[in-house]
PDB file of N, CA and C in Angstrom:
ATOM      1  N   MET A   1      51.468  96.217 163.087  1.00  0.00           N
ATOM      2  CA  MET A   1      50.666  95.591 162.048  1.00  0.00           C
ATOM      3  C   MET A   1      49.759  96.617 161.375  1.00  0.00           C
ATOM      4  N   THR A   2      49.157  97.465 162.168  1.00  0.00           N
ATOM      5  CA  THR A   2      48.243  98.466 161.607  1.00  0.00           C
ATOM      6  C   THR A   2      48.967  99.356 160.610  1.00  0.00           C
ATOM      7  N   ASN A   3      50.170  99.809 160.967  1.00  0.00           N
ATOM      8  CA  ASN A   3      50.933 100.679 160.063  1.00  0.00           C
ATOM      9  C   ASN A   3      51.307  99.951 158.780  1.00  0.00           C
ATOM     10  N   LEU A   4      51.750  98.716 158.898  1.00  0.00           N
ATOM     11  CA  LEU A   4      52.137  97.965 157.708  1.00  0.00           C
ATOM     12  C   LEU A   4      50.926  97.705 156.818  1.00  0.00           C
ATOM     13  N   LEU A   5      49.830  97.303 157.404  1.00  0.00           N
ATOM     14  CA  LEU A   5      48.624  97.040 156.608  1.00  0.00           C
ATOM     15  C   LEU A   5      48.090  98.314 155.956  1.00  0.00           C
ATOM     16  N   SER A   6      48.154  99.449 156.647  1.00  0.00           N
ATOM     17  CA  SER A   6      47.676 100.687 156.031  1.00  0.00           C
ATOM     18  C   SER A   6      48.556 101.067 154.843  1.00  0.00           C
ATOM     19  N   ASN A   7      49.859 100.785 154.929  1.00  0.00           N
ATOM     20  CA  ASN A   7      50.765 101.016 153.805  1.00  0.00           C
ATOM     21  C   ASN A   7      50.393 100.127 152.623  1.00  0.00           C
ATOM     22  N   VAL A   8      50.100  98.871 152.902  1.00  0.00           N
ATOM     23  CA  VAL A   8      49.726  97.921 151.853  1.00  0.00           C
ATOM     24  C   VAL A   8      48.416  98.356 151.192  1.00  0.00           C
ATOM     25  N   VAL A   9      47.470  98.833 151.982  1.00  0.00           N
ATOM     26  CA  VAL A   9      46.199  99.309 151.425  1.00  0.00           C
ATOM     27  C   VAL A   9      46.458 100.484 150.479  1.00  0.00           C
ATOM     28  N   LYS A  10      47.308 101.422 150.888  1.00  0.00           N
ATOM     29  CA  LYS A  10      47.641 102.555 150.016  1.00  0.00           C
ATOM     30  C   LYS A  10      48.296 102.082 148.717  1.00  0.00           C
ATOM     31  N   ALA A  11      49.147 101.060 148.820  1.00  0.00           N
ATOM     32  CA  ALA A  11      49.876 100.564 147.647  1.00  0.00           C
ATOM     33  C   ALA A  11      48.961  99.877 146.644  1.00  0.00           C
ATOM     34  N   THR A  12      47.804  99.420 147.076  1.00  0.00           N
ATOM     35  CA  THR A  12      46.899  98.696 146.171  1.00  0.00           C
ATOM     36  C   THR A  12      45.783  99.587 145.618  1.00  0.00           C
ATOM     37  N   GLN A  13      45.711 100.840 146.020  1.00  0.00           N
ATOM     38  CA  GLN A  13      44.606 101.705 145.604  1.00  0.00           C
ATOM     39  C   GLN A  13      44.502 101.875 144.097  1.00  0.00           C
ATOM     40  N   ALA A  14      45.621 101.851 143.389  1.00  0.00           N
ATOM     41  CA  ALA A  14      45.583 102.046 141.938  1.00  0.00           C
ATOM     42  C   ALA A  14      45.390 100.734 141.174  1.00  0.00           C
ATOM     43  N   ALA A  15      45.431  99.605 141.876  1.00  0.00           N
ATOM     44  CA  ALA A  15      45.273  98.307 141.210  1.00  0.00           C
ATOM     45  C   ALA A  15      43.834  98.151 140.717  1.00  0.00           C
ATOM     46  N   PRO A  16      43.638  97.576 139.527  1.00  0.00           N
ATOM     47  CA  PRO A  16      42.277  97.392 138.996  1.00  0.00           C
ATOM     48  C   PRO A  16      41.397  96.546 139.928  1.00  0.00           C
ATOM     49  N   SER A  17      41.960  95.503 140.502  1.00  0.00           N
ATOM     50  CA  SER A  17      41.252  94.648 141.465  1.00  0.00           C
ATOM     51  C   SER A  17      42.171  94.446 142.663  1.00  0.00           C
ATOM     52  N   PRO A  18      42.136  95.374 143.631  1.00  0.00           N
ATOM     53  CA  PRO A  18      43.052  95.282 144.775  1.00  0.00           C
ATOM     54  C   PRO A  18      42.923  93.944 145.501  1.00  0.00           C
ATOM     55  N   LEU A  19      44.069  93.378 145.848  1.00  0.00           N
ATOM     56  CA  LEU A  19      44.096  92.098 146.547  1.00  0.00           C
ATOM     57  C   LEU A  19      45.191  92.136 147.600  1.00  0.00           C
ATOM     58  N   ILE A  20      44.829  91.805 148.832  1.00  0.00           N
ATOM     59  CA  ILE A  20      45.788  91.732 149.931  1.00  0.00           C
ATOM     60  C   ILE A  20      45.586  90.387 150.606  1.00  0.00           C
ATOM     61  N   ARG A  21      46.671  89.645 150.785  1.00  0.00           N
ATOM     62  CA  ARG A  21      46.619  88.352 151.478  1.00  0.00           C
ATOM     63  C   ARG A  21      47.471  88.452 152.733  1.00  0.00           C
ATOM     64  N   VAL A  22      46.933  87.968 153.850  1.00  0.00           N
ATOM     65  CA  VAL A  22      47.666  87.915 155.106  1.00  0.00           C
ATOM     66  C   VAL A  22      47.544  86.491 155.623  1.00  0.00           C
ATOM     67  N   TYR A  23      48.675  85.853 155.857  1.00  0.00           N
ATOM     68  CA  TYR A  23      48.621  84.488 156.391  1.00  0.00           C
ATOM     69  C   TYR A  23      49.850  84.221 157.243  1.00  0.00           C
ATOM     70  N   GLY A  24      49.728  83.237 158.090  1.00  0.00           N
ATOM     71  CA  GLY A  24      50.818  82.889 158.986  1.00  0.00           C
ATOM     72  C   GLY A  24      51.005  81.396 159.070  1.00  0.00           C
ATOM     73  N   GLN A  25      52.188  81.026 159.543  1.00  0.00           N
ATOM     74  CA  GLN A  25      52.486  79.615 159.735  1.00  0.00           C
ATOM     75  C   GLN A  25      53.578  79.461 160.784  1.00  0.00           C
ATOM     76  N   ARG A  26      53.707  78.251 161.290  1.00  0.00           N
ATOM     77  CA  ARG A  26      54.793  77.926 162.210  1.00  0.00           C
ATOM     78  C   ARG A  26      55.879  77.221 161.423  1.00  0.00           C
ATOM     79  N   VAL A  27      57.104  77.669 161.595  1.00  0.00           N
ATOM     80  CA  VAL A  27      58.236  77.035 160.939  1.00  0.00           C
ATOM     81  C   VAL A  27      59.336  76.862 161.984  1.00  0.00           C
ATOM     82  N   GLU A  28      59.525  75.632 162.431  1.00  0.00           N
ATOM     83  CA  GLU A  28      60.579  75.307 163.395  1.00  0.00           C
ATOM     84  C   GLU A  28      60.613  76.262 164.584  1.00  0.00           C
ATOM     85  N   GLY A  29      59.495  76.427 165.270  1.00  0.00           N
ATOM     86  CA  GLY A  29      59.437  77.274 166.455  1.00  0.00           C
ATOM     87  C   GLY A  29      59.410  78.761 166.184  1.00  0.00           C
ATOM     88  N   THR A  30      59.218  79.138 164.936  1.00  0.00           N
ATOM     89  CA  THR A  30      59.170  80.548 164.555  1.00  0.00           C
ATOM     90  C   THR A  30      57.799  80.865 163.967  1.00  0.00           C
ATOM     91  N   ALA A  31      57.239  81.992 164.362  1.00  0.00           N
ATOM     92  CA  ALA A  31      55.992  82.459 163.765  1.00  0.00           C
ATOM     93  C   ALA A  31      56.351  83.278 162.532  1.00  0.00           C
ATOM     94  N   VAL A  32      55.828  82.864 161.378  1.00  0.00           N
ATOM     95  CA  VAL A  32      56.116  83.559 160.125  1.00  0.00           C
ATOM     96  C   VAL A  32      54.818  84.149 159.604  1.00  0.00           C
ATOM     97  N   LEU A  33      54.785  85.467 159.465  1.00  0.00           N
ATOM     98  CA  LEU A  33      53.625  86.191 158.964  1.00  0.00           C
ATOM     99  C   LEU A  33      53.975  86.735 157.588  1.00  0.00           C
ATOM    100  N   THR A  34      53.107  86.470 156.612  1.00  0.00           N
ATOM    101  CA  THR A  34      53.333  86.947 155.253  1.00  0.00           C
ATOM    102  C   THR A  34      52.183  87.848 154.839  1.00  0.00           C
ATOM    103  N   ILE A  35      52.521  88.986 154.266  1.00  0.00           N
ATOM    104  CA  ILE A  35      51.529  89.926 153.754  1.00  0.00           C
ATOM    105  C   ILE A  35      51.882  90.178 152.292  1.00  0.00           C
ATOM    106  N   GLU A  36      50.942  89.856 151.395  1.00  0.00           N
ATOM    107  CA  GLU A  36      51.152  90.021 149.956  1.00  0.00           C
ATOM    108  C   GLU A  36      50.116  90.981 149.395  1.00  0.00           C
ATOM    109  N   ASP A  37      50.531  91.731 148.382  1.00  0.00           N
ATOM    110  CA  ASP A  37      49.578  92.611 147.710  1.00  0.00           C
ATOM    111  C   ASP A  37      49.860  92.627 146.221  1.00  0.00           C
ATOM    112  N   ASN A  38      48.909  93.153 145.469  1.00  0.00           N
ATOM    113  CA  ASN A  38      49.100  93.310 144.031  1.00  0.00           C
ATOM    114  C   ASN A  38      49.195  94.786 143.655  1.00  0.00           C
ATOM    115  N   GLY A  39      49.701  95.572 144.582  1.00  0.00           N
ATOM    116  CA  GLY A  39      49.857  97.003 144.351  1.00  0.00           C
ATOM    117  C   GLY A  39      51.157  97.322 143.651  1.00  0.00           C
ATOM    118  N   ILE A  40      51.694  98.497 143.929  1.00  0.00           N
ATOM    119  CA  ILE A  40      52.937  98.895 143.287  1.00  0.00           C
ATOM    120  C   ILE A  40      54.070  98.017 143.799  1.00  0.00           C
ATOM    121  N   ASP A  41      54.974  97.683 142.889  1.00  0.00           N
ATOM    122  CA  ASP A  41      56.090  96.821 143.274  1.00  0.00           C
ATOM    123  C   ASP A  41      57.233  97.667 143.826  1.00  0.00           C
ATOM    124  N   LEU A  42      58.187  96.978 144.428  1.00  0.00           N
ATOM    125  CA  LEU A  42      59.376  97.635 144.943  1.00  0.00           C
ATOM    126  C   LEU A  42      60.537  97.281 144.033  1.00  0.00           C
ATOM    127  N   PRO A  43      61.069  98.246 143.297  1.00  0.00           N
ATOM    128  CA  PRO A  43      62.190  97.956 142.406  1.00  0.00           C
ATOM    129  C   PRO A  43      63.358  97.349 143.190  1.00  0.00           C
ATOM    130  N   PRO A  44      64.050  96.353 142.621  1.00  0.00           N
ATOM    131  CA  PRO A  44      65.134  95.673 143.348  1.00  0.00           C
ATOM    132  C   PRO A  44      66.167  96.618 143.937  1.00  0.00           C
ATOM    133  N   GLU A  45      66.505  97.668 143.211  1.00  0.00           N
ATOM    134  CA  GLU A  45      67.538  98.587 143.694  1.00  0.00           C
ATOM    135  C   GLU A  45      67.069  99.439 144.874  1.00  0.00           C
ATOM    136  N   ASN A  46      65.767  99.475 145.151  1.00  0.00           N
ATOM    137  CA  ASN A  46      65.234 100.308 146.233  1.00  0.00           C
ATOM    138  C   ASN A  46      64.654  99.510 147.403  1.00  0.00           C
ATOM    139  N   ARG A  47      64.698  98.185 147.357  1.00  0.00           N
ATOM    140  CA  ARG A  47      64.061  97.391 148.424  1.00  0.00           C
ATOM    141  C   ARG A  47      64.661  97.673 149.793  1.00  0.00           C
ATOM    142  N   ASN A  48      65.984  97.672 149.914  1.00  0.00           N
ATOM    143  CA  ASN A  48      66.606  97.938 151.211  1.00  0.00           C
ATOM    144  C   ASN A  48      66.399  99.378 151.646  1.00  0.00           C
ATOM    145  N   ARG A  49      66.346 100.285 150.700  1.00  0.00           N
ATOM    146  CA  ARG A  49      66.131 101.707 150.997  1.00  0.00           C
ATOM    147  C   ARG A  49      64.781 101.915 151.683  1.00  0.00           C
ATOM    148  N   SER A  50      63.791 101.107 151.351  1.00  0.00           N
ATOM    149  CA  SER A  50      62.447 101.302 151.888  1.00  0.00           C
ATOM    150  C   SER A  50      62.387 101.109 153.404  1.00  0.00           C
ATOM    151  N   PHE A  51      63.398 100.480 154.004  1.00  0.00           N
ATOM    152  CA  PHE A  51      63.424 100.304 155.457  1.00  0.00           C
ATOM    153  C   PHE A  51      64.191 101.411 156.179  1.00  0.00           C
ATOM    154  N   ARG A  52      64.773 102.344 155.425  1.00  0.00           N
ATOM    155  CA  ARG A  52      65.497 103.454 156.051  1.00  0.00           C
ATOM    156  C   ARG A  52      64.534 104.581 156.399  1.00  0.00           C
ATOM    157  N   LEU A  53      64.772 105.195 157.548  1.00  0.00           N
ATOM    158  CA  LEU A  53      63.917 106.274 158.032  1.00  0.00           C
ATOM    159  C   LEU A  53      63.907 107.448 157.055  1.00  0.00           C
ATOM    160  N   PHE A  54      62.724 107.916 156.722  1.00  0.00           N
ATOM    161  CA  PHE A  54      62.472 109.041 155.818  1.00  0.00           C
ATOM    162  C   PHE A  54      62.925 108.781 154.382  1.00  0.00           C
ATOM    163  N   LYS A  55      63.078 107.511 154.024  1.00  0.00           N
ATOM    164  CA  LYS A  55      63.429 107.163 152.647  1.00  0.00           C
ATOM    165  C   LYS A  55      62.296 106.308 152.092  1.00  0.00           C
ATOM    166  N   SER A  56      61.963 106.529 150.861  1.00  0.00           N
ATOM    167  CA  SER A  56      60.905 105.767 150.219  1.00  0.00           C
ATOM    168  C   SER A  56      61.470 105.094 148.975  1.00  0.00           C
ATOM    169  N   ALA A  57      60.913 103.957 148.625  1.00  0.00           N
ATOM    170  CA  ALA A  57      61.350 103.253 147.420  1.00  0.00           C
ATOM    171  C   ALA A  57      60.756 103.886 146.167  1.00  0.00           C
ATOM    172  N   HIS A  58      59.813 104.822 146.363  1.00  0.00           N
ATOM    173  CA  HIS A  58      59.118 105.443 145.235  1.00  0.00           C
ATOM    174  C   HIS A  58      59.128 106.954 145.362  1.00  0.00           C
ATOM    175  N   ALA A  59      58.918 107.617 144.245  1.00  0.00           N
ATOM    176  CA  ALA A  59      58.768 109.075 144.257  1.00  0.00           C
ATOM    177  C   ALA A  59      57.442 109.422 144.931  1.00  0.00           C
ATOM    178  N   ARG A  60      57.347 110.585 145.540  1.00  0.00           N
ATOM    179  CA  ARG A  60      56.108 111.002 146.222  1.00  0.00           C
ATOM    180  C   ARG A  60      54.914 111.025 145.275  1.00  0.00           C
ATOM    181  N   SER A  61      55.148 111.324 144.009  1.00  0.00           N
ATOM    182  CA  SER A  61      54.047 111.347 143.046  1.00  0.00           C
ATOM    183  C   SER A  61      53.505 109.940 142.788  1.00  0.00           C
ATOM    184  N   GLN A  62      54.341 108.937 143.002  1.00  0.00           N
ATOM    185  CA  GLN A  62      53.947 107.546 142.790  1.00  0.00           C
ATOM    186  C   GLN A  62      53.291 106.948 144.026  1.00  0.00           C
ATOM    187  N   PHE A  63      53.841 107.282 145.208  1.00  0.00           N
ATOM    188  CA  PHE A  63      53.342 106.727 146.469  1.00  0.00           C
ATOM    189  C   PHE A  63      53.547 107.754 147.574  1.00  0.00           C
ATOM    190  N   PRO A  64      52.478 108.426 147.988  1.00  0.00           N
ATOM    191  CA  PRO A  64      52.621 109.464 149.007  1.00  0.00           C
ATOM    192  C   PRO A  64      52.961 108.868 150.374  1.00  0.00           C
ATOM    193  N   GLY A  65      53.734 109.589 151.113  1.00  0.00           N
ATOM    194  CA  GLY A  65      54.063 109.143 152.467  1.00  0.00           C
ATOM    195  C   GLY A  65      55.375 109.754 152.922  1.00  0.00           C
ATOM    196  N   SER A  66      55.648 109.587 154.205  1.00  0.00           N
ATOM    197  CA  SER A  66      56.831 110.208 154.796  1.00  0.00           C
ATOM    198  C   SER A  66      58.038 109.279 154.847  1.00  0.00           C
ATOM    199  N   GLY A  67      57.852 108.003 154.562  1.00  0.00           N
ATOM    200  CA  GLY A  67      58.965 107.067 154.589  1.00  0.00           C
ATOM    201  C   GLY A  67      59.342 106.604 155.982  1.00  0.00           C
ATOM    202  N   VAL A  68      58.375 106.541 156.888  1.00  0.00           N
ATOM    203  CA  VAL A  68      58.691 106.082 158.246  1.00  0.00           C
ATOM    204  C   VAL A  68      58.066 104.736 158.592  1.00  0.00           C
ATOM    205  N   VAL A  69      57.010 104.325 157.940  1.00  0.00           N
ATOM    206  CA  VAL A  69      56.266 103.133 158.345  1.00  0.00           C
ATOM    207  C   VAL A  69      57.130 101.883 158.339  1.00  0.00           C
ATOM    208  N   LEU A  70      57.795 101.595 157.236  1.00  0.00           N
ATOM    209  CA  LEU A  70      58.578 100.358 157.168  1.00  0.00           C
ATOM    210  C   LEU A  70      59.767 100.385 158.118  1.00  0.00           C
ATOM    211  N   SER A  71      60.333 101.565 158.336  1.00  0.00           N
ATOM    212  CA  SER A  71      61.431 101.690 159.291  1.00  0.00           C
ATOM    213  C   SER A  71      60.948 101.364 160.707  1.00  0.00           C
ATOM    214  N   ILE A  72      59.784 101.869 161.068  1.00  0.00           N
ATOM    215  CA  ILE A  72      59.218 101.593 162.400  1.00  0.00           C
ATOM    216  C   ILE A  72      58.882 100.122 162.540  1.00  0.00           C
ATOM    217  N   VAL A  73      58.262  99.537 161.516  1.00  0.00           N
ATOM    218  CA  VAL A  73      57.916  98.116 161.555  1.00  0.00           C
ATOM    219  C   VAL A  73      59.179  97.280 161.738  1.00  0.00           C
ATOM    220  N   GLN A  74      60.222  97.595 160.983  1.00  0.00           N
ATOM    221  CA  GLN A  74      61.475  96.846 161.100  1.00  0.00           C
ATOM    222  C   GLN A  74      62.052  96.944 162.511  1.00  0.00           C
ATOM    223  N   ARG A  75      62.046  98.116 163.082  1.00  0.00           N
ATOM    224  CA  ARG A  75      62.591  98.290 164.437  1.00  0.00           C
ATOM    225  C   ARG A  75      61.798  97.495 165.474  1.00  0.00           C
ATOM    226  N   ILE A  76      60.486  97.494 165.350  1.00  0.00           N
ATOM    227  CA  ILE A  76      59.659  96.739 166.296  1.00  0.00           C
ATOM    228  C   ILE A  76      59.921  95.241 166.153  1.00  0.00           C
ATOM    229  N   VAL A  77      59.944  94.767 164.925  1.00  0.00           N
ATOM    230  CA  VAL A  77      60.190  93.336 164.679  1.00  0.00           C
ATOM    231  C   VAL A  77      61.563  92.942 165.226  1.00  0.00           C
ATOM    232  N   GLU A  78      62.579  93.737 164.970  1.00  0.00           N
ATOM    233  CA  GLU A  78      63.923  93.419 165.443  1.00  0.00           C
ATOM    234  C   GLU A  78      64.033  93.479 166.961  1.00  0.00           C
ATOM    235  N   ARG A  79      63.295  94.353 167.605  1.00  0.00           N
ATOM    236  CA  ARG A  79      63.298  94.404 169.079  1.00  0.00           C
ATOM    237  C   ARG A  79      62.710  93.137 169.695  1.00  0.00           C
ATOM    238  N   HIS A  80      61.882  92.445 168.925  1.00  0.00           N
ATOM    239  CA  HIS A  80      61.323  91.172 169.368  1.00  0.00           C
ATOM    240  C   HIS A  80      62.163  89.991 168.899  1.00  0.00           C
ATOM    241  N   GLY A  81      63.362  90.280 168.387  1.00  0.00           N
ATOM    242  CA  GLY A  81      64.279  89.234 167.956  1.00  0.00           C
ATOM    243  C   GLY A  81      63.963  88.665 166.586  1.00  0.00           C
ATOM    244  N   GLY A  82      63.146  89.361 165.822  1.00  0.00           N
ATOM    245  CA  GLY A  82      62.725  88.853 164.524  1.00  0.00           C
ATOM    246  C   GLY A  82      63.380  89.563 163.361  1.00  0.00           C
ATOM    247  N   SER A  83      62.858  89.257 162.184  1.00  0.00           N
ATOM    248  CA  SER A  83      63.362  89.875 160.963  1.00  0.00           C
ATOM    249  C   SER A  83      62.201  90.146 160.018  1.00  0.00           C
ATOM    250  N   ILE A  84      62.411  91.070 159.105  1.00  0.00           N
ATOM    251  CA  ILE A  84      61.422  91.381 158.078  1.00  0.00           C
ATOM    252  C   ILE A  84      62.147  91.479 156.740  1.00  0.00           C
ATOM    253  N   GLU A  85      61.527  90.912 155.717  1.00  0.00           N
ATOM    254  CA  GLU A  85      62.065  90.959 154.361  1.00  0.00           C
ATOM    255  C   GLU A  85      60.962  91.442 153.444  1.00  0.00           C
ATOM    256  N   VAL A  86      61.357  92.005 152.324  1.00  0.00           N
ATOM    257  CA  VAL A  86      60.392  92.384 151.297  1.00  0.00           C
ATOM    258  C   VAL A  86      60.863  91.809 149.968  1.00  0.00           C
ATOM    259  N   HIS A  87      59.919  91.261 149.223  1.00  0.00           N
ATOM    260  CA  HIS A  87      60.200  90.673 147.910  1.00  0.00           C
ATOM    261  C   HIS A  87      59.217  91.254 146.902  1.00  0.00           C
ATOM    262  N   SER A  88      59.675  91.374 145.670  1.00  0.00           N
ATOM    263  CA  SER A  88      58.819  91.812 144.576  1.00  0.00           C
ATOM    264  C   SER A  88      59.373  91.206 143.307  1.00  0.00           C
ATOM    265  N   GLU A  89      58.495  90.665 142.494  1.00  0.00           N
ATOM    266  CA  GLU A  89      58.926  89.978 141.278  1.00  0.00           C
ATOM    267  C   GLU A  89      59.107  90.927 140.101  1.00  0.00           C
ATOM    268  N   GLY A  90      58.710  92.165 140.236  1.00  0.00           N
ATOM    269  CA  GLY A  90      58.892  93.114 139.148  1.00  0.00           C
ATOM    270  C   GLY A  90      57.649  93.935 138.885  1.00  0.00           C
ATOM    271  N   GLU A  91      57.688  94.692 137.842  1.00  0.00           N
ATOM    272  CA  GLU A  91      56.636  95.632 137.470  1.00  0.00           C
ATOM    273  C   GLU A  91      55.238  95.015 137.534  1.00  0.00           C
ATOM    274  N   GLY A  92      54.370  95.630 138.328  1.00  0.00           N
ATOM    275  CA  GLY A  92      52.971  95.217 138.389  1.00  0.00           C
ATOM    276  C   GLY A  92      52.680  93.977 139.205  1.00  0.00           C
ATOM    277  N   THR A  93      53.662  93.469 139.945  1.00  0.00           N
ATOM    278  CA  THR A  93      53.440  92.242 140.715  1.00  0.00           C
ATOM    279  C   THR A  93      53.158  92.491 142.177  1.00  0.00           C
ATOM    280  N   GLY A  94      53.305  93.710 142.641  1.00  0.00           N
ATOM    281  CA  GLY A  94      53.081  94.003 144.048  1.00  0.00           C
ATOM    282  C   GLY A  94      54.286  93.633 144.889  1.00  0.00           C
ATOM    283  N   ALA A  95      54.043  93.442 146.177  1.00  0.00           N
ATOM    284  CA  ALA A  95      55.126  93.142 147.113  1.00  0.00           C
ATOM    285  C   ALA A  95      54.693  92.060 148.093  1.00  0.00           C
ATOM    286  N   ARG A  96      55.681  91.390 148.662  1.00  0.00           N
ATOM    287  CA  ARG A  96      55.433  90.375 149.685  1.00  0.00           C
ATOM    288  C   ARG A  96      56.353  90.686 150.866  1.00  0.00           C
ATOM    289  N   PHE A  97      55.762  90.932 152.027  1.00  0.00           N
ATOM    290  CA  PHE A  97      56.507  91.173 153.252  1.00  0.00           C
ATOM    291  C   PHE A  97      56.460  89.904 154.088  1.00  0.00           C
ATOM    292  N   ILE A  98      57.622  89.473 154.559  1.00  0.00           N
ATOM    293  CA  ILE A  98      57.706  88.271 155.390  1.00  0.00           C
ATOM    294  C   ILE A  98      58.321  88.668 156.717  1.00  0.00           C
ATOM    295  N   ILE A  99      57.553  88.456 157.783  1.00  0.00           N
ATOM    296  CA  ILE A  99      58.008  88.771 159.141  1.00  0.00           C
ATOM    297  C   ILE A  99      58.187  87.459 159.882  1.00  0.00           C
ATOM    298  N   ALA A 100      59.357  87.259 160.476  1.00  0.00           N
ATOM    299  CA  ALA A 100      59.646  86.056 161.253  1.00  0.00           C
ATOM    300  C   ALA A 100      59.920  86.466 162.694  1.00  0.00           C
ATOM    301  N   LEU A 101      59.165  85.870 163.620  1.00  0.00           N
ATOM    302  CA  LEU A 101      59.335  86.149 165.050  1.00  0.00           C
ATOM    303  C   LEU A 101      59.638  84.842 165.767  1.00  0.00           C
ATOM    304  N   PRO A 102      60.830  84.733 166.380  1.00  0.00           N
ATOM    305  CA  PRO A 102      61.229  83.475 167.014  1.00  0.00           C
ATOM    306  C   PRO A 102      60.572  83.273 168.381  1.00  0.00           C
ATOM    307  N   GLY A 103      60.524  82.021 168.794  1.00  0.00           N
ATOM    308  CA  GLY A 103      60.097  81.699 170.150  1.00  0.00           C
ATOM    309  C   GLY A 103      58.632  81.420 170.301  1.00  0.00           C
ATOM    310  N   GLU A 104      58.329  80.688 171.329  1.00  0.00           N
ATOM    311  CA  GLU A 104      56.943  80.265 171.598  1.00  0.00           C
ATOM    312  C   GLU A 104      56.013  81.417 171.943  1.00  0.00           C
ATOM    313  N   LYS A 105      56.531  82.519 172.488  1.00  0.00           N
ATOM    314  CA  LYS A 105      55.646  83.613 172.899  1.00  0.00           C
ATOM    315  C   LYS A 105      54.944  84.272 171.703  1.00  0.00           C
ATOM    316  N   HIS A 106      55.459  84.079 170.485  1.00  0.00           N
ATOM    317  CA  HIS A 106      54.857  84.674 169.305  1.00  0.00           C
ATOM    318  C   HIS A 106      53.932  83.717 168.554  1.00  0.00           C
ATOM    319  N   LEU A 107      53.832  82.482 169.028  1.00  0.00           N
ATOM    320  CA  LEU A 107      53.007  81.485 168.347  1.00  0.00           C
ATOM    321  C   LEU A 107      51.633  81.397 168.976  1.00  0.00           C
ATOM    322  N   PRO A 108      50.588  81.316 168.173  1.00  0.00           N
ATOM    323  CA  PRO A 108      49.241  81.167 168.739  1.00  0.00           C
ATOM    324  C   PRO A 108      49.094  79.793 169.376  1.00  0.00           C
ATOM    325  N   THR A 109      48.280  79.727 170.406  1.00  0.00           N
ATOM    326  CA  THR A 109      48.048  78.448 171.048  1.00  0.00           C
ATOM    327  C   THR A 109      46.889  77.734 170.376  1.00  0.00           C
ATOM    328  N   ALA A 110      46.976  76.434 170.309  1.00  0.00           N
ATOM    329  CA  ALA A 110      45.902  75.635 169.719  1.00  0.00           C
ATOM    330  C   ALA A 110      44.858  75.349 170.787  1.00  0.00           C
ATOM    331  N   ASP A 111      43.607  75.561 170.454  1.00  0.00           N
ATOM    332  CA  ASP A 111      42.513  75.299 171.403  1.00  0.00           C
ATOM    333  C   ASP A 111      41.881  73.975 171.135  1.00  0.00           C
TER     334      ASP A 111
END
């Protein structure tokens, strides 16, 4: 989570009014975590590339980094039996990451 959130913070630095939303919900026994930002968007042709090790969806001049964060996040999520997706509506809309983790062990308990 720390790595993904730090990436999102970097992506919103150039936004006039940076905005990051983090929320979760239960959907049929699955914990779904959504992280949205209004930073740089992920072009459709590069969305899947952003999860590959040492590959970035952007040029280094646009978004500095080594291209490992999303790959590591994906591997951790998948080791827990989950999935991660990224969506972006286009230029200037930012990105939305959706992480789904199955099973009761990933759901918060109600007090």
